[in-house]
Amino acid sequence: MMAACGTSEANYKKAYDKAKEKEGSGIESTIYNRVREQSREERIVAGGDTVNVVVEYVTASKEAGFTPSHLKKYNVVAGQFKQLFHAKSMRNRMAEGGYPSAIIVETGEPLYYVVVRSTQSLAEARAAADSVAASSPVKLKDGFPVILRASNR
């Protein structure tokens, strides 16, 4: 009689215990998790007010036709997408609706952000975020707009 190769309860338990050990030690097994850990929120005091800012490493999306010169330190994000097609669609609608300087930036995952204003000034970014929130030509998802500080700027 031949022994069959197969999984056993002991093998499952060993794999499960190994996975739990990795989880408990804080080791992330995928690039996705390492990249997401690099995104963080900050509260910056500016002009007597506290501004919530998301800090993340982003680059101007070359696939969408943008160059690094388009990206500044503070960016007003109107939307976030996993697919470039959807980001381009929103960017075009924002441009037609009064935000012609809207650009697309991306993370290493990639996630694509539609940026309606990119500036070196936090005060300008905050004013732009307030303006977009009050009168966006496109319905924004809950939680948007967001001010994103490019950690590489």
C-alpha atoms as a PDB file:
ATOM      1  CA  MET A   1       0.000   0.000   0.000  1.00  0.00           C
ATOM      2  CA  MET A   2       1.387   3.420  -0.968  1.00  0.00           C
ATOM      3  CA  ALA A   3       1.230   6.369   1.376  1.00  0.00           C
ATOM      4  CA  ALA A   4      -0.564   9.345  -0.105  1.00  0.00           C
ATOM      5  CA  CYS A   5       0.904  12.805   0.059  1.00  0.00           C
ATOM      6  CA  GLY A   6      -1.608  15.012   1.713  1.00  0.00           C
ATOM      7  CA  THR A   7      -2.185  17.615   4.295  1.00  0.00           C
ATOM      8  CA  SER A   8      -2.773  16.687   7.852  1.00  0.00           C
ATOM      9  CA  GLU A   9      -4.143  18.491  10.851  1.00  0.00           C
ATOM     10  CA  ALA A  10      -0.592  18.752  12.187  1.00  0.00           C
ATOM     11  CA  ASN A  11       0.545  20.523   8.991  1.00  0.00           C
ATOM     12  CA  TYR A  12      -2.368  22.962   9.149  1.00  0.00           C
ATOM     13  CA  LYS A  13      -1.659  23.705  12.811  1.00  0.00           C
ATOM     14  CA  LYS A  14       2.036  24.264  12.104  1.00  0.00           C
ATOM     15  CA  ALA A  15       1.259  26.718   9.270  1.00  0.00           C
ATOM     16  CA  TYR A  16      -1.362  28.486  11.389  1.00  0.00           C
ATOM     17  CA  ASP A  17       1.013  28.850  14.342  1.00  0.00           C
ATOM     18  CA  LYS A  18       3.742  30.200  12.068  1.00  0.00           C
ATOM     19  CA  ALA A  19       1.358  32.788  10.580  1.00  0.00           C
ATOM     20  CA  LYS A  20       0.169  33.865  14.033  1.00  0.00           C
ATOM     21  CA  GLU A  21       3.794  34.196  15.186  1.00  0.00           C
ATOM     22  CA  LYS A  22       4.571  36.500  12.261  1.00  0.00           C
ATOM     23  CA  GLU A  23       1.440  38.544  12.949  1.00  0.00           C
ATOM     24  CA  GLY A  24       2.327  38.886  16.609  1.00  0.00           C
ATOM     25  CA  SER A  25       5.879  40.010  15.911  1.00  0.00           C
ATOM     26  CA  GLY A  26       4.687  42.867  13.686  1.00  0.00           C
ATOM     27  CA  ILE A  27       6.300  41.428  10.556  1.00  0.00           C
ATOM     28  CA  GLU A  28       4.282  42.240   7.447  1.00  0.00           C
ATOM     29  CA  SER A  29       4.632  39.770   4.634  1.00  0.00           C
ATOM     30  CA  THR A  30       3.557  41.974   1.732  1.00  0.00           C
ATOM     31  CA  ILE A  31       4.772  45.138   0.116  1.00  0.00           C
ATOM     32  CA  TYR A  32       1.224  46.497   0.328  1.00  0.00           C
ATOM     33  CA  ASN A  33       1.269  46.489   4.115  1.00  0.00           C
ATOM     34  CA  ARG A  34       4.715  48.088   4.287  1.00  0.00           C
ATOM     35  CA  VAL A  35       3.637  50.878   1.939  1.00  0.00           C
ATOM     36  CA  ARG A  36       0.369  51.507   3.825  1.00  0.00           C
ATOM     37  CA  GLU A  37       2.313  51.816   7.091  1.00  0.00           C
ATOM     38  CA  GLN A  38       4.183  54.770   5.560  1.00  0.00           C
ATOM     39  CA  SER A  39       0.957  56.781   5.345  1.00  0.00           C
ATOM     40  CA  ARG A  40       0.188  58.676   8.528  1.00  0.00           C
ATOM     41  CA  GLU A  41      -1.941  61.533   9.787  1.00  0.00           C
ATOM     42  CA  GLU A  42      -0.614  64.707  11.379  1.00  0.00           C
ATOM     43  CA  ARG A  43      -2.266  67.619  13.087  1.00  0.00           C
ATOM     44  CA  ILE A  44      -0.531  70.873  12.175  1.00  0.00           C
ATOM     45  CA  VAL A  45      -1.239  74.160  13.939  1.00  0.00           C
ATOM     46  CA  ALA A  46      -1.413  76.971  11.392  1.00  0.00           C
ATOM     47  CA  GLY A  47      -2.687  80.458  12.099  1.00  0.00           C
ATOM     48  CA  GLY A  48      -4.244  79.415  15.395  1.00  0.00           C
ATOM     49  CA  ASP A  49      -6.172  76.536  13.800  1.00  0.00           C
ATOM     50  CA  THR A  50      -5.396  72.841  13.752  1.00  0.00           C
ATOM     51  CA  VAL A  51      -5.298  71.268  10.297  1.00  0.00           C
ATOM     52  CA  ASN A  52      -5.478  67.503   9.740  1.00  0.00           C
ATOM     53  CA  VAL A  53      -2.974  66.433   7.108  1.00  0.00           C
ATOM     54  CA  VAL A  54      -2.279  62.993   5.645  1.00  0.00           C
ATOM     55  CA  VAL A  55       1.440  62.449   5.035  1.00  0.00           C
ATOM     56  CA  GLU A  56       2.413  59.999   2.319  1.00  0.00           C
ATOM     57  CA  TYR A  57       5.085  59.430  -0.312  1.00  0.00           C
ATOM     58  CA  VAL A  58       3.493  60.221  -3.680  1.00  0.00           C
ATOM     59  CA  THR A  59       4.673  60.976  -7.195  1.00  0.00           C
ATOM     60  CA  ALA A  60       3.041  62.741 -10.125  1.00  0.00           C
ATOM     61  CA  SER A  61       1.467  60.081 -12.334  1.00  0.00           C
ATOM     62  CA  LYS A  62       3.563  59.790 -15.490  1.00  0.00           C
ATOM     63  CA  GLU A  63       0.930  57.452 -16.969  1.00  0.00           C
ATOM     64  CA  ALA A  64      -1.581  60.301 -16.737  1.00  0.00           C
ATOM     65  CA  GLY A  65       0.835  62.786 -18.330  1.00  0.00           C
ATOM     66  CA  PHE A  66       2.090  64.649 -15.262  1.00  0.00           C
ATOM     67  CA  THR A  67       5.676  65.462 -14.285  1.00  0.00           C
ATOM     68  CA  PRO A  68       7.324  65.987 -10.880  1.00  0.00           C
ATOM     69  CA  SER A  69       7.120  69.770 -11.403  1.00  0.00           C
ATOM     70  CA  HIS A  70       3.320  69.522 -11.030  1.00  0.00           C
ATOM     71  CA  LEU A  71       3.617  68.187  -7.462  1.00  0.00           C
ATOM     72  CA  LYS A  72       4.120  70.554  -4.521  1.00  0.00           C
ATOM     73  CA  LYS A  73       4.290  69.996  -0.761  1.00  0.00           C
ATOM     74  CA  TYR A  74       0.569  70.362   0.116  1.00  0.00           C
ATOM     75  CA  ASN A  75      -2.111  68.803  -2.075  1.00  0.00           C
ATOM     76  CA  VAL A  76      -5.890  68.995  -1.880  1.00  0.00           C
ATOM     77  CA  VAL A  77      -7.185  65.530  -2.728  1.00  0.00           C
ATOM     78  CA  ALA A  78     -10.742  65.260  -4.066  1.00  0.00           C
ATOM     79  CA  GLY A  79     -10.748  61.504  -4.664  1.00  0.00           C
ATOM     80  CA  GLN A  80      -8.824  58.256  -4.316  1.00  0.00           C
ATOM     81  CA  PHE A  81      -8.937  55.328  -6.751  1.00  0.00           C
ATOM     82  CA  LYS A  82      -7.326  51.948  -7.318  1.00  0.00           C
ATOM     83  CA  GLN A  83      -7.673  52.279 -11.093  1.00  0.00           C
ATOM     84  CA  LEU A  84      -6.075  55.028 -13.161  1.00  0.00           C
ATOM     85  CA  PHE A  85      -9.083  55.075 -15.523  1.00  0.00           C
ATOM     86  CA  HIS A  86     -11.384  56.263 -12.717  1.00  0.00           C
ATOM     87  CA  ALA A  87      -8.857  58.836 -11.500  1.00  0.00           C
ATOM     88  CA  LYS A  88      -8.531  60.238 -15.034  1.00  0.00           C
ATOM     89  CA  SER A  89     -12.307  60.445 -15.340  1.00  0.00           C
ATOM     90  CA  MET A  90     -12.673  62.407 -12.106  1.00  0.00           C
ATOM     91  CA  ARG A  91      -9.682  64.600 -12.950  1.00  0.00           C
ATOM     92  CA  ASN A  92     -11.253  65.520 -16.303  1.00  0.00           C
ATOM     93  CA  ARG A  93     -14.617  66.319 -14.684  1.00  0.00           C
ATOM     94  CA  MET A  94     -12.892  68.484 -12.051  1.00  0.00           C
ATOM     95  CA  ALA A  95     -10.907  70.296 -14.788  1.00  0.00           C
ATOM     96  CA  GLU A  96     -14.099  70.971 -16.757  1.00  0.00           C
ATOM     97  CA  GLY A  97     -15.832  72.111 -13.566  1.00  0.00           C
ATOM     98  CA  GLY A  98     -13.381  74.875 -12.706  1.00  0.00           C
ATOM     99  CA  TYR A  99     -10.196  73.141 -11.564  1.00  0.00           C
ATOM    100  CA  PRO A 100      -8.058  73.109 -14.739  1.00  0.00           C
ATOM    101  CA  SER A 101      -4.830  72.558 -12.779  1.00  0.00           C
ATOM    102  CA  ALA A 102      -6.089  69.261 -11.301  1.00  0.00           C
ATOM    103  CA  ILE A 103      -3.477  66.505 -11.462  1.00  0.00           C
ATOM    104  CA  ILE A 104      -3.173  62.822 -10.591  1.00  0.00           C
ATOM    105  CA  VAL A 105      -0.587  61.576  -8.125  1.00  0.00           C
ATOM    106  CA  GLU A 106       0.088  57.987  -7.125  1.00  0.00           C
ATOM    107  CA  THR A 107       1.464  55.971  -4.253  1.00  0.00           C
ATOM    108  CA  GLY A 108       3.640  52.889  -4.527  1.00  0.00           C
ATOM    109  CA  GLU A 109       0.651  50.512  -4.187  1.00  0.00           C
ATOM    110  CA  PRO A 110      -0.529  52.140  -6.524  1.00  0.00           C
ATOM    111  CA  LEU A 111      -3.420  54.246  -5.338  1.00  0.00           C
ATOM    112  CA  TYR A 112      -4.283  57.223  -7.503  1.00  0.00           C
ATOM    113  CA  TYR A 113      -5.256  60.549  -5.939  1.00  0.00           C
ATOM    114  CA  VAL A 114      -7.011  63.333  -7.839  1.00  0.00           C
ATOM    115  CA  VAL A 115      -5.398  66.558  -6.643  1.00  0.00           C
ATOM    116  CA  VAL A 116      -7.308  69.763  -7.394  1.00  0.00           C
ATOM    117  CA  ARG A 117      -4.692  72.104  -5.931  1.00  0.00           C
ATOM    118  CA  SER A 118      -0.985  71.585  -5.302  1.00  0.00           C
ATOM    119  CA  THR A 119       0.851  74.317  -3.410  1.00  0.00           C
ATOM    120  CA  GLN A 120       3.795  74.985  -1.111  1.00  0.00           C
ATOM    121  CA  SER A 121       1.502  76.785   1.370  1.00  0.00           C
ATOM    122  CA  LEU A 122      -0.637  75.006   3.954  1.00  0.00           C
ATOM    123  CA  ALA A 123      -2.885  78.087   4.202  1.00  0.00           C
ATOM    124  CA  GLU A 124      -3.553  77.988   0.440  1.00  0.00           C
ATOM    125  CA  ALA A 125      -4.237  74.254   0.598  1.00  0.00           C
ATOM    126  CA  ARG A 126      -6.694  74.723   3.445  1.00  0.00           C
ATOM    127  CA  ALA A 127      -8.532  77.515   1.595  1.00  0.00           C
ATOM    128  CA  ALA A 128      -8.708  75.345  -1.534  1.00  0.00           C
ATOM    129  CA  ALA A 129     -10.026  72.387   0.492  1.00  0.00           C
ATOM    130  CA  ASP A 130     -12.741  74.590   1.998  1.00  0.00           C
ATOM    131  CA  SER A 131     -13.664  75.851  -1.486  1.00  0.00           C
ATOM    132  CA  VAL A 132     -13.855  72.333  -2.956  1.00  0.00           C
ATOM    133  CA  ALA A 133     -15.925  71.105  -0.006  1.00  0.00           C
ATOM    134  CA  ALA A 134     -18.384  73.975  -0.498  1.00  0.00           C
ATOM    135  CA  SER A 135     -18.777  73.813  -4.273  1.00  0.00           C
ATOM    136  CA  SER A 136     -17.254  70.774  -5.953  1.00  0.00           C
ATOM    137  CA  PRO A 137     -18.430  70.170  -9.529  1.00  0.00           C
ATOM    138  CA  VAL A 138     -18.293  66.433  -8.725  1.00  0.00           C
ATOM    139  CA  LYS A 139     -19.974  64.748  -5.766  1.00  0.00           C
ATOM    140  CA  LEU A 140     -17.187  63.849  -3.337  1.00  0.00           C
ATOM    141  CA  LYS A 141     -17.079  60.702  -1.229  1.00  0.00           C
ATOM    142  CA  ASP A 142     -17.322  61.057   2.540  1.00  0.00           C
ATOM    143  CA  GLY A 143     -14.035  62.169   4.052  1.00  0.00           C
ATOM    144  CA  PHE A 144     -12.959  64.246   1.061  1.00  0.00           C
ATOM    145  CA  PRO A 145     -11.382  66.653   0.369  1.00  0.00           C
ATOM    146  CA  VAL A 146      -8.216  65.753   2.257  1.00  0.00           C
ATOM    147  CA  ILE A 147      -4.985  67.696   2.525  1.00  0.00           C
ATOM    148  CA  LEU A 148      -2.070  65.456   1.597  1.00  0.00           C
ATOM    149  CA  ARG A 149       1.498  66.445   2.412  1.00  0.00           C
ATOM    150  CA  ALA A 150       3.895  64.794   0.005  1.00  0.00           C
ATOM    151  CA  SER A 151       6.579  63.384   2.303  1.00  0.00           C
ATOM    152  CA  ASN A 152       9.074  63.557  -0.550  1.00  0.00           C
ATOM    153  CA  ARG A 153       8.701  67.342  -0.959  1.00  0.00           C
END
